């Protein structure tokens, strides 16, 4: 499991600070996890529209929200093809 700080980026470009916890799926570039932060200002309808998270290391993931509250959201995600290239965000170390 990886954790860190990042930004939740809404479709309209608004971004919010978040903490994250991610678990990598062995079957490709998928992961799942939780974003933690004050997301009370986000319209719940936005959770079904192209949300992204920018991780502290510069990688970006495209989110599919599976559950949410005013303080967290659970998701599955696939890495964005336009994200920074380099070693896996999930590599040990």
PDB file of N, CA and C in Angstrom:
ATOM      1  N   UNK A   1       0.850  -1.174   0.000  1.00  0.00           N
ATOM      2  CA  UNK A   1       0.000   0.000   0.000  1.00  0.00           C
ATOM      3  C   UNK A   1       0.893   1.233   0.000  1.00  0.00           C
ATOM      4  N   UNK A   2       0.540   2.178  -0.830  1.00  0.00           N
ATOM      5  CA  UNK A   2       1.238   3.458  -0.887  1.00  0.00           C
ATOM      6  C   UNK A   2       0.325   4.536  -0.334  1.00  0.00           C
ATOM      7  N   UNK A   3       0.909   5.520   0.323  1.00  0.00           N
ATOM      8  CA  UNK A   3       0.117   6.648   0.811  1.00  0.00           C
ATOM      9  C   UNK A   3       0.902   7.929   0.601  1.00  0.00           C
ATOM     10  N   UNK A   4       0.195   9.046   0.616  1.00  0.00           N
ATOM     11  CA  UNK A   4       0.840  10.327   0.426  1.00  0.00           C
ATOM     12  C   UNK A   4      -0.168  11.448   0.344  1.00  0.00           C
ATOM     13  N   UNK A   5       0.288  12.585  -0.145  1.00  0.00           N
ATOM     14  CA  UNK A   5      -0.540  13.779  -0.303  1.00  0.00           C
ATOM     15  C   UNK A   5      -0.647  14.097  -1.792  1.00  0.00           C
ATOM     16  N   UNK A   6      -1.763  14.688  -2.191  1.00  0.00           N
ATOM     17  CA  UNK A   6      -1.946  15.045  -3.584  1.00  0.00           C
ATOM     18  C   UNK A   6      -3.093  16.017  -3.752  1.00  0.00           C
ATOM     19  N   UNK A   7      -3.668  16.022  -4.958  1.00  0.00           N
ATOM     20  CA  UNK A   7      -4.766  16.936  -5.292  1.00  0.00           C
ATOM     21  C   UNK A   7      -5.857  16.148  -6.006  1.00  0.00           C
ATOM     22  N   UNK A   8      -7.108  16.402  -5.631  1.00  0.00           N
ATOM     23  CA  UNK A   8      -8.256  15.888  -6.347  1.00  0.00           C
ATOM     24  C   UNK A   8      -8.613  16.937  -7.390  1.00  0.00           C
ATOM     25  N   UNK A   9      -8.675  16.543  -8.658  1.00  0.00           N
ATOM     26  CA  UNK A   9      -8.929  17.491  -9.742  1.00  0.00           C
ATOM     27  C   UNK A   9     -10.290  17.168 -10.351  1.00  0.00           C
ATOM     28  N   UNK A  10     -11.211  18.126 -10.238  1.00  0.00           N
ATOM     29  CA  UNK A  10     -12.549  17.948 -10.785  1.00  0.00           C
ATOM     30  C   UNK A  10     -12.555  18.263 -12.276  1.00  0.00           C
ATOM     31  N   UNK A  11     -13.592  17.860 -12.951  1.00  0.00           N
ATOM     32  CA  UNK A  11     -13.683  18.056 -14.397  1.00  0.00           C
ATOM     33  C   UNK A  11     -13.579  19.525 -14.802  1.00  0.00           C
ATOM     34  N   UNK A  12     -14.099  20.437 -13.955  1.00  0.00           N
ATOM     35  CA  UNK A  12     -14.044  21.870 -14.287  1.00  0.00           C
ATOM     36  C   UNK A  12     -12.698  22.506 -13.970  1.00  0.00           C
ATOM     37  N   UNK A  13     -11.734  21.703 -13.497  1.00  0.00           N
ATOM     38  CA  UNK A  13     -10.400  22.204 -13.203  1.00  0.00           C
ATOM     39  C   UNK A  13     -10.170  22.556 -11.746  1.00  0.00           C
ATOM     40  N   UNK A  14     -11.238  22.607 -10.954  1.00  0.00           N
ATOM     41  CA  UNK A  14     -11.093  22.858  -9.516  1.00  0.00           C
ATOM     42  C   UNK A  14     -10.253  21.755  -8.905  1.00  0.00           C
ATOM     43  N   UNK A  15      -9.369  22.111  -7.992  1.00  0.00           N
ATOM     44  CA  UNK A  15      -8.611  21.059  -7.312  1.00  0.00           C
ATOM     45  C   UNK A  15      -8.642  21.276  -5.808  1.00  0.00           C
ATOM     46  N   UNK A  16      -8.599  20.166  -5.087  1.00  0.00           N
ATOM     47  CA  UNK A  16      -8.681  20.163  -3.629  1.00  0.00           C
ATOM     48  C   UNK A  16      -7.544  19.321  -3.064  1.00  0.00           C
ATOM     49  N   UNK A  17      -6.975  19.728  -1.928  1.00  0.00           N
ATOM     50  CA  UNK A  17      -5.927  18.909  -1.317  1.00  0.00           C
ATOM     51  C   UNK A  17      -6.519  17.632  -0.726  1.00  0.00           C
ATOM     52  N   UNK A  18      -5.814  16.532  -0.894  1.00  0.00           N
ATOM     53  CA  UNK A  18      -6.256  15.242  -0.363  1.00  0.00           C
ATOM     54  C   UNK A  18      -5.049  14.436   0.116  1.00  0.00           C
ATOM     55  N   UNK A  19      -5.322  13.471   0.959  1.00  0.00           N
ATOM     56  CA  UNK A  19      -4.361  12.421   1.280  1.00  0.00           C
ATOM     57  C   UNK A  19      -4.864  11.180   0.546  1.00  0.00           C
ATOM     58  N   UNK A  20      -3.987  10.238   0.246  1.00  0.00           N
ATOM     59  CA  UNK A  20      -4.430   9.038  -0.463  1.00  0.00           C
ATOM     60  C   UNK A  20      -3.768   7.796   0.095  1.00  0.00           C
ATOM     61  N   UNK A  21      -4.454   6.682  -0.112  1.00  0.00           N
ATOM     62  CA  UNK A  21      -3.943   5.340   0.161  1.00  0.00           C
ATOM     63  C   UNK A  21      -4.307   4.486  -1.040  1.00  0.00           C
ATOM     64  N   UNK A  22      -3.318   3.858  -1.654  1.00  0.00           N
ATOM     65  CA  UNK A  22      -3.524   3.092  -2.884  1.00  0.00           C
ATOM     66  C   UNK A  22      -3.018   1.667  -2.748  1.00  0.00           C
ATOM     67  N   UNK A  23      -3.722   0.765  -3.390  1.00  0.00           N
ATOM     68  CA  UNK A  23      -3.285  -0.627  -3.501  1.00  0.00           C
ATOM     69  C   UNK A  23      -3.237  -0.950  -4.978  1.00  0.00           C
ATOM     70  N   UNK A  24      -2.116  -1.483  -5.442  1.00  0.00           N
ATOM     71  CA  UNK A  24      -1.932  -1.790  -6.860  1.00  0.00           C
ATOM     72  C   UNK A  24      -2.540  -3.141  -7.198  1.00  0.00           C
ATOM     73  N   UNK A  25      -3.172  -3.225  -8.352  1.00  0.00           N
ATOM     74  CA  UNK A  25      -3.709  -4.469  -8.876  1.00  0.00           C
ATOM     75  C   UNK A  25      -2.632  -5.090  -9.756  1.00  0.00           C
ATOM     76  N   UNK A  26      -2.375  -6.353  -9.576  1.00  0.00           N
ATOM     77  CA  UNK A  26      -1.318  -7.033 -10.335  1.00  0.00           C
ATOM     78  C   UNK A  26      -1.649  -7.216 -11.814  1.00  0.00           C
ATOM     79  N   UNK A  27      -2.864  -6.959 -12.238  1.00  0.00           N
ATOM     80  CA  UNK A  27      -3.315  -7.271 -13.591  1.00  0.00           C
ATOM     81  C   UNK A  27      -3.283  -6.076 -14.527  1.00  0.00           C
ATOM     82  N   UNK A  28      -2.290  -5.249 -14.424  1.00  0.00           N
ATOM     83  CA  UNK A  28      -2.176  -4.108 -15.324  1.00  0.00           C
ATOM     84  C   UNK A  28      -1.986  -2.813 -14.567  1.00  0.00           C
ATOM     85  N   UNK A  29      -2.494  -1.747 -15.128  1.00  0.00           N
ATOM     86  CA  UNK A  29      -2.257  -0.427 -14.556  1.00  0.00           C
ATOM     87  C   UNK A  29      -3.419   0.048 -13.682  1.00  0.00           C
ATOM     88  N   UNK A  30      -4.141  -0.876 -13.068  1.00  0.00           N
ATOM     89  CA  UNK A  30      -5.267  -0.530 -12.202  1.00  0.00           C
ATOM     90  C   UNK A  30      -4.844  -0.487 -10.749  1.00  0.00           C
ATOM     91  N   UNK A  31      -5.552   0.338  -9.969  1.00  0.00           N
ATOM     92  CA  UNK A  31      -5.339   0.391  -8.532  1.00  0.00           C
ATOM     93  C   UNK A  31      -6.676   0.700  -7.874  1.00  0.00           C
ATOM     94  N   UNK A  32      -6.721   0.584  -6.566  1.00  0.00           N
ATOM     95  CA  UNK A  32      -7.909   0.974  -5.806  1.00  0.00           C
ATOM     96  C   UNK A  32      -7.421   1.650  -4.544  1.00  0.00           C
ATOM     97  N   UNK A  33      -8.309   2.392  -3.905  1.00  0.00           N
ATOM     98  CA  UNK A  33      -7.885   3.058  -2.692  1.00  0.00           C
ATOM     99  C   UNK A  33      -8.904   4.034  -2.158  1.00  0.00           C
ATOM    100  N   UNK A  34      -8.395   4.920  -1.322  1.00  0.00           N
ATOM    101  CA  UNK A  34      -9.214   5.915  -0.644  1.00  0.00           C
ATOM    102  C   UNK A  34      -8.528   7.267  -0.729  1.00  0.00           C
ATOM    103  N   UNK A  35      -9.311   8.301  -1.009  1.00  0.00           N
ATOM    104  CA  UNK A  35      -8.850   9.683  -0.918  1.00  0.00           C
ATOM    105  C   UNK A  35      -9.480  10.262   0.341  1.00  0.00           C
ATOM    106  N   UNK A  36      -8.693  10.989   1.107  1.00  0.00           N
ATOM    107  CA  UNK A  36      -9.166  11.549   2.365  1.00  0.00           C
ATOM    108  C   UNK A  36      -8.974  13.056   2.332  1.00  0.00           C
ATOM    109  N   UNK A  37     -10.028  13.786   2.638  1.00  0.00           N
ATOM    110  CA  UNK A  37      -9.952  15.242   2.649  1.00  0.00           C
ATOM    111  C   UNK A  37     -11.337  15.831   2.818  1.00  0.00           C
ATOM    112  N   UNK A  38     -11.406  17.134   2.876  1.00  0.00           N
ATOM    113  CA  UNK A  38     -12.680  17.820   3.010  1.00  0.00           C
ATOM    114  C   UNK A  38     -13.290  17.982   1.627  1.00  0.00           C
ATOM    115  N   UNK A  39     -14.215  17.090   1.280  1.00  0.00           N
ATOM    116  CA  UNK A  39     -14.831  17.142  -0.045  1.00  0.00           C
ATOM    117  C   UNK A  39     -16.310  17.527   0.050  1.00  0.00           C
ATOM    118  N   UNK A  40     -16.689  18.190   1.146  1.00  0.00           N
ATOM    119  CA  UNK A  40     -18.081  18.625   1.320  1.00  0.00           C
ATOM    120  C   UNK A  40     -18.527  19.578   0.221  1.00  0.00           C
ATOM    121  N   UNK A  41     -17.610  20.349  -0.333  1.00  0.00           N
ATOM    122  CA  UNK A  41     -17.968  21.338  -1.354  1.00  0.00           C
ATOM    123  C   UNK A  41     -18.187  20.725  -2.732  1.00  0.00           C
ATOM    124  N   UNK A  42     -17.858  19.453  -2.905  1.00  0.00           N
ATOM    125  CA  UNK A  42     -17.994  18.794  -4.207  1.00  0.00           C
ATOM    126  C   UNK A  42     -19.421  18.288  -4.384  1.00  0.00           C
ATOM    127  N   UNK A  43     -20.055  18.678  -5.486  1.00  0.00           N
ATOM    128  CA  UNK A  43     -21.384  18.192  -5.817  1.00  0.00           C
ATOM    129  C   UNK A  43     -21.305  16.684  -6.057  1.00  0.00           C
ATOM    130  N   UNK A  44     -22.115  15.874  -5.343  1.00  0.00           N
ATOM    131  CA  UNK A  44     -22.059  14.419  -5.543  1.00  0.00           C
ATOM    132  C   UNK A  44     -22.235  13.989  -6.992  1.00  0.00           C
ATOM    133  N   UNK A  45     -22.920  14.785  -7.805  1.00  0.00           N
ATOM    134  CA  UNK A  45     -23.048  14.464  -9.222  1.00  0.00           C
ATOM    135  C   UNK A  45     -21.722  14.457  -9.948  1.00  0.00           C
ATOM    136  N   UNK A  46     -20.740  15.178  -9.404  1.00  0.00           N
ATOM    137  CA  UNK A  46     -19.407  15.243 -10.007  1.00  0.00           C
ATOM    138  C   UNK A  46     -18.662  13.922  -9.918  1.00  0.00           C
ATOM    139  N   UNK A  47     -19.065  13.064  -8.984  1.00  0.00           N
ATOM    140  CA  UNK A  47     -18.336  11.810  -8.794  1.00  0.00           C
ATOM    141  C   UNK A  47     -18.497  10.855  -9.970  1.00  0.00           C
ATOM    142  N   UNK A  48     -19.458  11.110 -10.837  1.00  0.00           N
ATOM    143  CA  UNK A  48     -19.627  10.250 -12.007  1.00  0.00           C
ATOM    144  C   UNK A  48     -18.982  10.858 -13.255  1.00  0.00           C
ATOM    145  N   UNK A  49     -18.322  11.991 -13.102  1.00  0.00           N
ATOM    146  CA  UNK A  49     -17.707  12.687 -14.238  1.00  0.00           C
ATOM    147  C   UNK A  49     -16.190  12.733 -14.087  1.00  0.00           C
ATOM    148  N   UNK A  50     -15.452  12.332 -15.057  1.00  0.00           N
ATOM    149  CA  UNK A  50     -14.011  12.412 -15.159  1.00  0.00           C
ATOM    150  C   UNK A  50     -13.216  13.099 -14.067  1.00  0.00           C
ATOM    151  N   UNK A  51     -13.143  12.528 -12.899  1.00  0.00           N
ATOM    152  CA  UNK A  51     -12.306  13.070 -11.831  1.00  0.00           C
ATOM    153  C   UNK A  51     -10.925  12.446 -11.927  1.00  0.00           C
ATOM    154  N   UNK A  52      -9.930  13.213 -11.515  1.00  0.00           N
ATOM    155  CA  UNK A  52      -8.554  12.725 -11.500  1.00  0.00           C
ATOM    156  C   UNK A  52      -7.939  13.038 -10.151  1.00  0.00           C
ATOM    157  N   UNK A  53      -6.892  12.347  -9.841  1.00  0.00           N
ATOM    158  CA  UNK A  53      -6.098  12.667  -8.664  1.00  0.00           C
ATOM    159  C   UNK A  53      -4.652  12.794  -9.106  1.00  0.00           C
ATOM    160  N   UNK A  54      -4.023  13.869  -8.686  1.00  0.00           N
ATOM    161  CA  UNK A  54      -2.601  14.036  -8.949  1.00  0.00           C
ATOM    162  C   UNK A  54      -1.883  13.650  -7.667  1.00  0.00           C
ATOM    163  N   UNK A  55      -1.040  12.634  -7.771  1.00  0.00           N
ATOM    164  CA  UNK A  55      -0.315  12.127  -6.615  1.00  0.00           C
ATOM    165  C   UNK A  55       0.902  12.986  -6.335  1.00  0.00           C
ATOM    166  N   UNK A  56       1.385  12.903  -5.128  1.00  0.00           N
ATOM    167  CA  UNK A  56       2.510  13.717  -4.707  1.00  0.00           C
ATOM    168  C   UNK A  56       3.762  13.528  -5.537  1.00  0.00           C
ATOM    169  N   UNK A  57       3.905  12.372  -6.198  1.00  0.00           N
ATOM    170  CA  UNK A  57       5.100  12.108  -7.007  1.00  0.00           C
ATOM    171  C   UNK A  57       4.931  12.553  -8.465  1.00  0.00           C
ATOM    172  N   UNK A  58       3.798  13.218  -8.783  1.00  0.00           N
ATOM    173  CA  UNK A  58       3.582  13.713 -10.130  1.00  0.00           C
ATOM    174  C   UNK A  58       2.739  12.817 -11.014  1.00  0.00           C
ATOM    175  N   UNK A  59       2.534  11.563 -10.635  1.00  0.00           N
ATOM    176  CA  UNK A  59       1.674  10.679 -11.417  1.00  0.00           C
ATOM    177  C   UNK A  59       0.223  11.127 -11.274  1.00  0.00           C
ATOM    178  N   UNK A  60      -0.556  10.814 -12.281  1.00  0.00           N
ATOM    179  CA  UNK A  60      -1.968  11.165 -12.273  1.00  0.00           C
ATOM    180  C   UNK A  60      -2.788   9.910 -12.524  1.00  0.00           C
ATOM    181  N   UNK A  61      -3.899   9.766 -11.797  1.00  0.00           N
ATOM    182  CA  UNK A  61      -4.789   8.634 -12.002  1.00  0.00           C
ATOM    183  C   UNK A  61      -6.194   9.152 -12.309  1.00  0.00           C
ATOM    184  N   UNK A  62      -6.910   8.401 -13.132  1.00  0.00           N
ATOM    185  CA  UNK A  62      -8.277   8.710 -13.502  1.00  0.00           C
ATOM    186  C   UNK A  62      -9.171   7.856 -12.608  1.00  0.00           C
ATOM    187  N   UNK A  63     -10.116   8.496 -11.908  1.00  0.00           N
ATOM    188  CA  UNK A  63     -10.884   7.832 -10.859  1.00  0.00           C
ATOM    189  C   UNK A  63     -12.261   7.366 -11.306  1.00  0.00           C
ATOM    190  N   UNK A  64     -12.669   6.227 -10.792  1.00  0.00           N
ATOM    191  CA  UNK A  64     -14.046   5.773 -10.844  1.00  0.00           C
ATOM    192  C   UNK A  64     -14.467   5.627  -9.380  1.00  0.00           C
ATOM    193  N   UNK A  65     -15.313   6.536  -8.914  1.00  0.00           N
ATOM    194  CA  UNK A  65     -15.712   6.578  -7.499  1.00  0.00           C
ATOM    195  C   UNK A  65     -16.705   5.460  -7.222  1.00  0.00           C
ATOM    196  N   UNK A  66     -16.435   4.686  -6.165  1.00  0.00           N
ATOM    197  CA  UNK A  66     -17.308   3.577  -5.788  1.00  0.00           C
ATOM    198  C   UNK A  66     -18.110   3.873  -4.526  1.00  0.00           C
ATOM    199  N   UNK A  67     -17.652   4.791  -3.677  1.00  0.00           N
ATOM    200  CA  UNK A  67     -18.366   5.185  -2.455  1.00  0.00           C
ATOM    201  C   UNK A  67     -17.788   6.512  -1.991  1.00  0.00           C
ATOM    202  N   UNK A  68     -18.587   7.295  -1.262  1.00  0.00           N
ATOM    203  CA  UNK A  68     -18.090   8.580  -0.785  1.00  0.00           C
ATOM    204  C   UNK A  68     -18.844   9.054   0.451  1.00  0.00           C
ATOM    205  N   UNK A  69     -18.207   9.968   1.170  1.00  0.00           N
ATOM    206  CA  UNK A  69     -18.818  10.711   2.268  1.00  0.00           C
ATOM    207  C   UNK A  69     -18.266  12.130   2.161  1.00  0.00           C
ATOM    208  N   UNK A  70     -18.517  12.963   3.169  1.00  0.00           N
ATOM    209  CA  UNK A  70     -17.987  14.326   3.098  1.00  0.00           C
ATOM    210  C   UNK A  70     -16.504  14.404   3.447  1.00  0.00           C
ATOM    211  N   UNK A  71     -15.902  13.314   3.877  1.00  0.00           N
ATOM    212  CA  UNK A  71     -14.489  13.295   4.259  1.00  0.00           C
ATOM    213  C   UNK A  71     -13.617  12.303   3.492  1.00  0.00           C
ATOM    214  N   UNK A  72     -14.201  11.437   2.679  1.00  0.00           N
ATOM    215  CA  UNK A  72     -13.387  10.474   1.934  1.00  0.00           C
ATOM    216  C   UNK A  72     -14.156   9.981   0.724  1.00  0.00           C
ATOM    217  N   UNK A  73     -13.432   9.374  -0.189  1.00  0.00           N
ATOM    218  CA  UNK A  73     -14.074   8.633  -1.260  1.00  0.00           C
ATOM    219  C   UNK A  73     -13.226   7.423  -1.592  1.00  0.00           C
ATOM    220  N   UNK A  74     -13.908   6.342  -1.935  1.00  0.00           N
ATOM    221  CA  UNK A  74     -13.247   5.108  -2.355  1.00  0.00           C
ATOM    222  C   UNK A  74     -13.318   5.052  -3.876  1.00  0.00           C
ATOM    223  N   UNK A  75     -12.333   4.423  -4.475  1.00  0.00           N
ATOM    224  CA  UNK A  75     -12.256   4.436  -5.935  1.00  0.00           C
ATOM    225  C   UNK A  75     -11.504   3.245  -6.468  1.00  0.00           C
ATOM    226  N   UNK A  76     -11.679   3.009  -7.749  1.00  0.00           N
ATOM    227  CA  UNK A  76     -10.769   2.210  -8.556  1.00  0.00           C
ATOM    228  C   UNK A  76     -10.249   3.185  -9.599  1.00  0.00           C
ATOM    229  N   UNK A  77      -9.079   2.944 -10.110  1.00  0.00           N
ATOM    230  CA  UNK A  77      -8.472   3.913 -11.016  1.00  0.00           C
ATOM    231  C   UNK A  77      -7.546   3.237 -12.005  1.00  0.00           C
ATOM    232  N   UNK A  78      -7.346   3.936 -13.099  1.00  0.00           N
ATOM    233  CA  UNK A  78      -6.375   3.533 -14.107  1.00  0.00           C
ATOM    234  C   UNK A  78      -5.442   4.709 -14.328  1.00  0.00           C
ATOM    235  N   UNK A  79      -4.171   4.417 -14.521  1.00  0.00           N
ATOM    236  CA  UNK A  79      -3.219   5.481 -14.754  1.00  0.00           C
ATOM    237  C   UNK A  79      -3.529   6.200 -16.049  1.00  0.00           C
ATOM    238  N   UNK A  80      -3.431   7.510 -16.040  1.00  0.00           N
ATOM    239  CA  UNK A  80      -3.643   8.349 -17.213  1.00  0.00           C
ATOM    240  C   UNK A  80      -2.434   8.198 -18.123  1.00  0.00           C
ATOM    241  N   UNK A  81      -2.678   7.958 -19.405  1.00  0.00           N
ATOM    242  CA  UNK A  81      -1.592   7.792 -20.358  1.00  0.00           C
ATOM    243  C   UNK A  81      -0.728   9.024 -20.500  1.00  0.00           C
ATOM    244  N   UNK A  82      -1.251  10.198 -20.131  1.00  0.00           N
ATOM    245  CA  UNK A  82      -0.476  11.427 -20.266  1.00  0.00           C
ATOM    246  C   UNK A  82       0.327  11.745 -19.007  1.00  0.00           C
ATOM    247  N   UNK A  83       0.220  10.894 -17.996  1.00  0.00           N
ATOM    248  CA  UNK A  83       0.940  11.142 -16.744  1.00  0.00           C
ATOM    249  C   UNK A  83       2.437  10.980 -16.963  1.00  0.00           C
ATOM    250  N   UNK A  84       3.192  11.490 -16.017  1.00  0.00           N
ATOM    251  CA  UNK A  84       4.644  11.409 -16.089  1.00  0.00           C
ATOM    252  C   UNK A  84       5.088   9.958 -16.186  1.00  0.00           C
ATOM    253  N   UNK A  85       6.048   9.691 -17.043  1.00  0.00           N
ATOM    254  CA  UNK A  85       6.581   8.340 -17.181  1.00  0.00           C
ATOM    255  C   UNK A  85       7.735   8.153 -16.218  1.00  0.00           C
ATOM    256  N   UNK A  86       7.969   6.930 -15.861  1.00  0.00           N
ATOM    257  CA  UNK A  86       9.062   6.627 -14.946  1.00  0.00           C
ATOM    258  C   UNK A  86       8.766   5.354 -14.213  1.00  0.00           C
ATOM    259  N   UNK A  87       9.469   5.104 -13.120  1.00  0.00           N
ATOM    260  CA  UNK A  87       9.238   3.879 -12.379  1.00  0.00           C
ATOM    261  C   UNK A  87       7.816   3.848 -11.827  1.00  0.00           C
ATOM    262  N   UNK A  88       7.324   2.651 -11.588  1.00  0.00           N
ATOM    263  CA  UNK A  88       5.978   2.489 -11.047  1.00  0.00           C
ATOM    264  C   UNK A  88       5.820   3.223  -9.746  1.00  0.00           C
ATOM    265  N   UNK A  89       4.687   3.870  -9.569  1.00  0.00           N
ATOM    266  CA  UNK A  89       4.381   4.563  -8.322  1.00  0.00           C
ATOM    267  C   UNK A  89       4.280   3.550  -7.186  1.00  0.00           C
ATOM    268  N   UNK A  90       4.107   2.277  -7.518  1.00  0.00           N
ATOM    269  CA  UNK A  90       3.908   1.243  -6.521  1.00  0.00           C
ATOM    270  C   UNK A  90       5.158   0.409  -6.271  1.00  0.00           C
ATOM    271  N   UNK A  91       6.247   0.724  -6.944  1.00  0.00           N
ATOM    272  CA  UNK A  91       7.467  -0.058  -6.785  1.00  0.00           C
ATOM    273  C   UNK A  91       7.986   0.066  -5.349  1.00  0.00           C
ATOM    274  N   UNK A  92       8.478  -1.011  -4.776  1.00  0.00           N
ATOM    275  CA  UNK A  92       9.019  -0.955  -3.413  1.00  0.00           C
ATOM    276  C   UNK A  92      10.147   0.081  -3.337  1.00  0.00           C
ATOM    277  N   UNK A  93      10.243   0.671  -2.192  1.00  0.00           N
ATOM    278  CA  UNK A  93      11.362   1.575  -2.039  1.00  0.00           C
ATOM    279  C   UNK A  93      11.015   2.763  -1.363  1.00  0.00           C
TER     280      UNK A  93
END
